[in-house]
All heavy atoms as atom14 arrays in JSON, in Angstrom:
{
  "sequence": "TSGAVRFRGRDITAMPVHRRTALGLGRTF",
  "atom14_mask": [
    [1, 1, 1, 1, 1, 1, 1, 0, 0, 0, 0, 0, 0, 0],
    [1, 1, 1, 1, 1, 1, 0, 0, 0, 0, 0, 0, 0, 0],
    [1, 1, 1, 1, 0, 0, 0, 0, 0, 0, 0, 0, 0, 0],
    [1, 1, 1, 1, 1, 0, 0, 0, 0, 0, 0, 0, 0, 0],
    [1, 1, 1, 1, 1, 1, 1, 0, 0, 0, 0, 0, 0, 0],
    [1, 1, 1, 1, 1, 1, 1, 1, 1, 1, 1, 0, 0, 0],
    [1, 1, 1, 1, 1, 1, 1, 1, 1, 1, 1, 0, 0, 0],
    [1, 1, 1, 1, 1, 1, 1, 1, 1, 1, 1, 0, 0, 0],
    [1, 1, 1, 1, 0, 0, 0, 0, 0, 0, 0, 0, 0, 0],
    [1, 1, 1, 1, 1, 1, 1, 1, 1, 1, 1, 0, 0, 0],
    [1, 1, 1, 1, 1, 1, 1, 1, 0, 0, 0, 0, 0, 0],
    [1, 1, 1, 1, 1, 1, 1, 1, 0, 0, 0, 0, 0, 0],
    [1, 1, 1, 1, 1, 1, 1, 0, 0, 0, 0, 0, 0, 0],
    [1, 1, 1, 1, 1, 0, 0, 0, 0, 0, 0, 0, 0, 0],
    [1, 1, 1, 1, 1, 1, 1, 1, 0, 0, 0, 0, 0, 0],
    [1, 1, 1, 1, 1, 1, 1, 0, 0, 0, 0, 0, 0, 0],
    [1, 1, 1, 1, 1, 1, 1, 0, 0, 0, 0, 0, 0, 0],
    [1, 1, 1, 1, 1, 1, 1, 1, 1, 1, 0, 0, 0, 0],
    [1, 1, 1, 1, 1, 1, 1, 1, 1, 1, 1, 0, 0, 0],
    [1, 1, 1, 1, 1, 1, 1, 1, 1, 1, 1, 0, 0, 0],
    [1, 1, 1, 1, 1, 1, 1, 0, 0, 0, 0, 0, 0, 0],
    [1, 1, 1, 1, 1, 0, 0, 0, 0, 0, 0, 0, 0, 0],
    [1, 1, 1, 1, 1, 1, 1, 1, 0, 0, 0, 0, 0, 0],
    [1, 1, 1, 1, 0, 0, 0, 0, 0, 0, 0, 0, 0, 0],
    [1, 1, 1, 1, 1, 1, 1, 1, 0, 0, 0, 0, 0, 0],
    [1, 1, 1, 1, 0, 0, 0, 0, 0, 0, 0, 0, 0, 0],
    [1, 1, 1, 1, 1, 1, 1, 1, 1, 1, 1, 0, 0, 0],
    [1, 1, 1, 1, 1, 1, 1, 0, 0, 0, 0, 0, 0, 0],
    [1, 1, 1, 1, 1, 1, 1, 1, 1, 1, 1, 0, 0, 0]
  ],
  "atom14_positions": [
    [[27.04, 56.43, -73.96], [25.95, 55.73, -74.56], [24.87, 56.68, -75.07], [24.27, 56.46, -76.1], [25.33, 54.74, -73.52], [26.36, 53.9, -72.96], [24.25, 53.86, -74.18], [0.0, 0.0, 0.0], [0.0, 0.0, 0.0], [0.0, 0.0, 0.0], [0.0, 0.0, 0.0], [0.0, 0.0, 0.0], [0.0, 0.0, 0.0], [0.0, 0.0, 0.0]],
    [[24.68, 57.76, -74.31], [23.72, 58.79, -74.72], [24.16, 60.1, -74.12], [24.98, 60.12, -73.19], [22.29, 58.44, -74.31], [22.19, 58.33, -72.9], [0.0, 0.0, 0.0], [0.0, 0.0, 0.0], [0.0, 0.0, 0.0], [0.0, 0.0, 0.0], [0.0, 0.0, 0.0], [0.0, 0.0, 0.0], [0.0, 0.0, 0.0], [0.0, 0.0, 0.0]],
    [[23.61, 61.23, -74.59], [23.98, 62.55, -74.08], [25.06, 63.18, -74.96], [25.48, 62.62, -75.96], [0.0, 0.0, 0.0], [0.0, 0.0, 0.0], [0.0, 0.0, 0.0], [0.0, 0.0, 0.0], [0.0, 0.0, 0.0], [0.0, 0.0, 0.0], [0.0, 0.0, 0.0], [0.0, 0.0, 0.0], [0.0, 0.0, 0.0], [0.0, 0.0, 0.0]],
    [[25.49, 64.4, -74.55], [26.42, 65.14, -75.35], [27.4, 65.89, -74.45], [27.11, 66.26, -73.35], [25.64, 66.15, -76.23], [0.0, 0.0, 0.0], [0.0, 0.0, 0.0], [0.0, 0.0, 0.0], [0.0, 0.0, 0.0], [0.0, 0.0, 0.0], [0.0, 0.0, 0.0], [0.0, 0.0, 0.0], [0.0, 0.0, 0.0], [0.0, 0.0, 0.0]],
    [[28.63, 66.09, -75.02], [29.68, 66.88, -74.39], [30.01, 68.0, -75.35], [30.31, 67.75, -76.54], [30.91, 66.06, -74.09], [32.0, 66.93, -73.44], [30.57, 64.89, -73.16], [0.0, 0.0, 0.0], [0.0, 0.0, 0.0], [0.0, 0.0, 0.0], [0.0, 0.0, 0.0], [0.0, 0.0, 0.0], [0.0, 0.0, 0.0], [0.0, 0.0, 0.0]],
    [[29.99, 69.26, -74.89], [30.29, 70.41, -75.74], [31.4, 71.24, -75.11], [31.36, 71.5, -73.9], [29.05, 71.25, -76.01], [28.07, 70.63, -77.0], [26.91, 71.56, -77.3], [26.03, 71.66, -76.16], [24.99, 70.83, -75.92], [24.79, 69.79, -76.75], [24.24, 70.95, -74.88], [0.0, 0.0, 0.0], [0.0, 0.0, 0.0], [0.0, 0.0, 0.0]],
    [[32.35, 71.67, -75.96], [33.42, 72.53, -75.51], [33.32, 73.82, -76.26], [33.39, 73.87, -77.48], [34.76, 71.87, -75.79], [35.98, 72.7, -75.39], [36.2, 73.02, -74.07], [36.85, 73.18, -76.36], [37.27, 73.8, -73.73], [37.94, 73.93, -76.01], [38.17, 74.25, -74.71], [0.0, 0.0, 0.0], [0.0, 0.0, 0.0], [0.0, 0.0, 0.0]],
    [[33.05, 74.92, -75.53], [32.82, 76.23, -76.13], [31.77, 76.17, -77.25], [31.94, 76.73, -78.32], [34.12, 76.84, -76.62], [35.14, 77.14, -75.49], [36.22, 78.11, -75.88], [37.05, 78.43, -74.74], [36.77, 79.33, -73.8], [35.65, 79.97, -73.86], [37.61, 79.57, -72.81], [0.0, 0.0, 0.0], [0.0, 0.0, 0.0], [0.0, 0.0, 0.0]],
    [[30.69, 75.44, -77.0], [29.6, 75.33, -77.92], [29.76, 74.29, -79.0], [28.8, 74.03, -79.74], [0.0, 0.0, 0.0], [0.0, 0.0, 0.0], [0.0, 0.0, 0.0], [0.0, 0.0, 0.0], [0.0, 0.0, 0.0], [0.0, 0.0, 0.0], [0.0, 0.0, 0.0], [0.0, 0.0, 0.0], [0.0, 0.0, 0.0], [0.0, 0.0, 0.0]],
    [[30.9, 73.7, -79.11], [31.16, 72.7, -80.15], [30.96, 71.28, -79.62], [31.51, 70.94, -78.56], [32.58, 72.86, -80.68], [32.99, 71.91, -81.77], [34.34, 72.22, -82.27], [34.79, 71.32, -83.34], [35.92, 71.43, -84.0], [36.77, 72.41, -83.72], [36.2, 70.57, -84.96], [0.0, 0.0, 0.0], [0.0, 0.0, 0.0], [0.0, 0.0, 0.0]],
    [[30.17, 70.48, -80.31], [29.92, 69.1, -79.9], [31.19, 68.28, -80.11], [31.65, 68.11, -81.26], [28.76, 68.52, -80.71], [28.25, 67.21, -80.14], [29.06, 66.46, -79.54], [27.04, 66.93, -80.26], [0.0, 0.0, 0.0], [0.0, 0.0, 0.0], [0.0, 0.0, 0.0], [0.0, 0.0, 0.0], [0.0, 0.0, 0.0], [0.0, 0.0, 0.0]],
    [[31.73, 67.73, -79.01], [32.95, 66.95, -79.1], [32.71, 65.52, -78.61], [33.69, 64.78, -78.38], [34.11, 67.59, -78.27], [33.75, 67.67, -76.78], [34.46, 68.96, -78.83], [34.9, 68.05, -75.9], [0.0, 0.0, 0.0], [0.0, 0.0, 0.0], [0.0, 0.0, 0.0], [0.0, 0.0, 0.0], [0.0, 0.0, 0.0], [0.0, 0.0, 0.0]],
    [[31.45, 65.13, -78.55], [31.08, 63.82, -77.94], [31.82, 62.65, -78.59], [32.25, 61.72, -77.89], [29.54, 63.61, -78.06], [28.86, 64.76, -77.6], [29.12, 62.4, -77.25], [0.0, 0.0, 0.0], [0.0, 0.0, 0.0], [0.0, 0.0, 0.0], [0.0, 0.0, 0.0], [0.0, 0.0, 0.0], [0.0, 0.0, 0.0], [0.0, 0.0, 0.0]],
    [[31.97, 62.7, -79.92], [32.6, 61.58, -80.6], [34.02, 61.93, -81.1], [34.62, 61.16, -81.89], [31.74, 61.14, -81.78], [0.0, 0.0, 0.0], [0.0, 0.0, 0.0], [0.0, 0.0, 0.0], [0.0, 0.0, 0.0], [0.0, 0.0, 0.0], [0.0, 0.0, 0.0], [0.0, 0.0, 0.0], [0.0, 0.0, 0.0], [0.0, 0.0, 0.0]],
    [[34.54, 63.05, -80.67], [35.87, 63.5, -81.17], [36.98, 62.73, -80.47], [36.93, 62.46, -79.25], [36.03, 65.0, -80.86], [37.27, 65.64, -81.41], [37.37, 67.42, -81.01], [36.08, 68.05, -82.11], [0.0, 0.0, 0.0], [0.0, 0.0, 0.0], [0.0, 0.0, 0.0], [0.0, 0.0, 0.0], [0.0, 0.0, 0.0], [0.0, 0.0, 0.0]],
    [[38.03, 62.31, -81.21], [39.11, 61.55, -80.6], [39.92, 62.4, -79.63], [39.9, 63.65, -79.67], [39.99, 61.13, -81.8], [39.61, 62.05, -82.92], [38.2, 62.43, -82.68], [0.0, 0.0, 0.0], [0.0, 0.0, 0.0], [0.0, 0.0, 0.0], [0.0, 0.0, 0.0], [0.0, 0.0, 0.0], [0.0, 0.0, 0.0], [0.0, 0.0, 0.0]],
    [[40.67, 61.72, -78.77], [41.39, 62.36, -77.68], [42.38, 63.42, -78.17], [42.38, 64.57, -77.67], [42.14, 61.33, -76.82], [43.02, 62.0, -75.78], [41.22, 60.34, -76.18], [0.0, 0.0, 0.0], [0.0, 0.0, 0.0], [0.0, 0.0, 0.0], [0.0, 0.0, 0.0], [0.0, 0.0, 0.0], [0.0, 0.0, 0.0], [0.0, 0.0, 0.0]],
    [[43.14, 63.13, -79.23], [44.2, 64.05, -79.66], [43.6, 65.32, -80.23], [44.18, 66.41, -80.1], [45.1, 63.38, -80.69], [44.45, 63.09, -82.03], [43.68, 62.0, -82.25], [44.49, 63.8, -83.19], [43.22, 62.03, -83.51], [43.71, 63.13, -84.09], [0.0, 0.0, 0.0], [0.0, 0.0, 0.0], [0.0, 0.0, 0.0], [0.0, 0.0, 0.0]],
    [[42.42, 65.24, -80.85], [41.77, 66.46, -81.36], [41.23, 67.3, -80.23], [41.25, 68.53, -80.28], [40.66, 66.07, -82.32], [41.17, 65.56, -83.65], [40.03, 65.39, -84.66], [39.37, 66.68, -84.9], [38.16, 66.77, -85.47], [37.52, 65.66, -85.82], [37.63, 67.95, -85.68], [0.0, 0.0, 0.0], [0.0, 0.0, 0.0], [0.0, 0.0, 0.0]],
    [[40.77, 66.69, -79.15], [40.3, 67.47, -78.0], [41.5, 68.18, -77.33], [41.35, 69.32, -76.89], [39.61, 66.55, -76.97], [38.38, 65.88, -77.55], [37.59, 65.11, -76.51], [36.76, 64.09, -77.1], [35.63, 63.65, -76.61], [35.18, 64.11, -75.47], [34.92, 62.7, -77.21], [0.0, 0.0, 0.0], [0.0, 0.0, 0.0], [0.0, 0.0, 0.0]],
    [[42.61, 67.5, -77.27], [43.85, 68.1, -76.71], [44.22, 69.31, -77.56], [44.58, 70.38, -77.0], [44.98, 67.08, -76.67], [44.61, 65.98, -75.89], [46.22, 67.71, -76.08], [0.0, 0.0, 0.0], [0.0, 0.0, 0.0], [0.0, 0.0, 0.0], [0.0, 0.0, 0.0], [0.0, 0.0, 0.0], [0.0, 0.0, 0.0], [0.0, 0.0, 0.0]],
    [[44.16, 69.2, -78.88], [44.51, 70.29, -79.76], [43.56, 71.49, -79.57], [43.97, 72.66, -79.77], [44.52, 69.84, -81.21], [0.0, 0.0, 0.0], [0.0, 0.0, 0.0], [0.0, 0.0, 0.0], [0.0, 0.0, 0.0], [0.0, 0.0, 0.0], [0.0, 0.0, 0.0], [0.0, 0.0, 0.0], [0.0, 0.0, 0.0], [0.0, 0.0, 0.0]],
    [[42.33, 71.21, -79.2], [41.37, 72.28, -78.97], [41.65, 73.02, -77.67], [41.16, 74.15, -77.5], [39.93, 71.72, -78.9], [39.25, 71.29, -80.23], [37.88, 70.75, -79.98], [39.14, 72.5, -81.17], [0.0, 0.0, 0.0], [0.0, 0.0, 0.0], [0.0, 0.0, 0.0], [0.0, 0.0, 0.0], [0.0, 0.0, 0.0], [0.0, 0.0, 0.0]],
    [[42.35, 72.35, -76.72], [42.67, 73.04, -75.49], [42.22, 72.31, -74.24], [42.16, 72.93, -73.13], [0.0, 0.0, 0.0], [0.0, 0.0, 0.0], [0.0, 0.0, 0.0], [0.0, 0.0, 0.0], [0.0, 0.0, 0.0], [0.0, 0.0, 0.0], [0.0, 0.0, 0.0], [0.0, 0.0, 0.0], [0.0, 0.0, 0.0], [0.0, 0.0, 0.0]],
    [[41.88, 71.03, -74.31], [41.56, 70.26, -73.11], [42.83, 69.56, -72.64], [43.44, 68.77, -73.38], [40.5, 69.19, -73.46], [39.04, 69.63, -73.37], [38.68, 70.47, -74.57], [38.09, 68.44, -73.29], [0.0, 0.0, 0.0], [0.0, 0.0, 0.0], [0.0, 0.0, 0.0], [0.0, 0.0, 0.0], [0.0, 0.0, 0.0], [0.0, 0.0, 0.0]],
    [[43.22, 69.82, -71.42], [44.36, 69.16, -70.8], [43.92, 68.4, -69.56], [43.07, 68.85, -68.83], [0.0, 0.0, 0.0], [0.0, 0.0, 0.0], [0.0, 0.0, 0.0], [0.0, 0.0, 0.0], [0.0, 0.0, 0.0], [0.0, 0.0, 0.0], [0.0, 0.0, 0.0], [0.0, 0.0, 0.0], [0.0, 0.0, 0.0], [0.0, 0.0, 0.0]],
    [[44.51, 67.19, -69.36], [43.96, 66.32, -68.28], [45.09, 65.56, -67.58], [46.02, 65.1, -68.23], [42.97, 65.33, -68.93], [42.24, 64.44, -67.9], [42.59, 63.0, -68.15], [42.01, 62.12, -67.15], [41.05, 61.21, -67.41], [40.58, 61.07, -68.61], [40.63, 60.45, -66.41], [0.0, 0.0, 0.0], [0.0, 0.0, 0.0], [0.0, 0.0, 0.0]],
    [[45.01, 65.47, -66.25], [45.87, 64.59, -65.49], [45.06, 63.34, -65.11], [43.86, 63.28, -65.33], [46.4, 65.24, -64.2], [45.29, 65.46, -63.32], [47.1, 66.58, -64.48], [0.0, 0.0, 0.0], [0.0, 0.0, 0.0], [0.0, 0.0, 0.0], [0.0, 0.0, 0.0], [0.0, 0.0, 0.0], [0.0, 0.0, 0.0], [0.0, 0.0, 0.0]],
    [[45.78, 62.31, -64.57], [45.17, 61.04, -64.31], [45.37, 60.65, -62.84], [46.26, 61.19, -62.19], [45.74, 59.96, -65.21], [45.45, 60.16, -66.67], [46.22, 61.02, -67.45], [44.37, 59.53, -67.27], [45.93, 61.23, -68.79], [44.09, 59.71, -68.59], [44.86, 60.58, -69.38], [0.0, 0.0, 0.0], [0.0, 0.0, 0.0], [0.0, 0.0, 0.0]]
  ]
}
């Protein structure tokens, strides 16, 4: 709703999941 998420200085707050994965974020559930 508010605030920001940055990965290596890049704002990814509104970035879709697949693009974050391509940047190098991997996640388990």
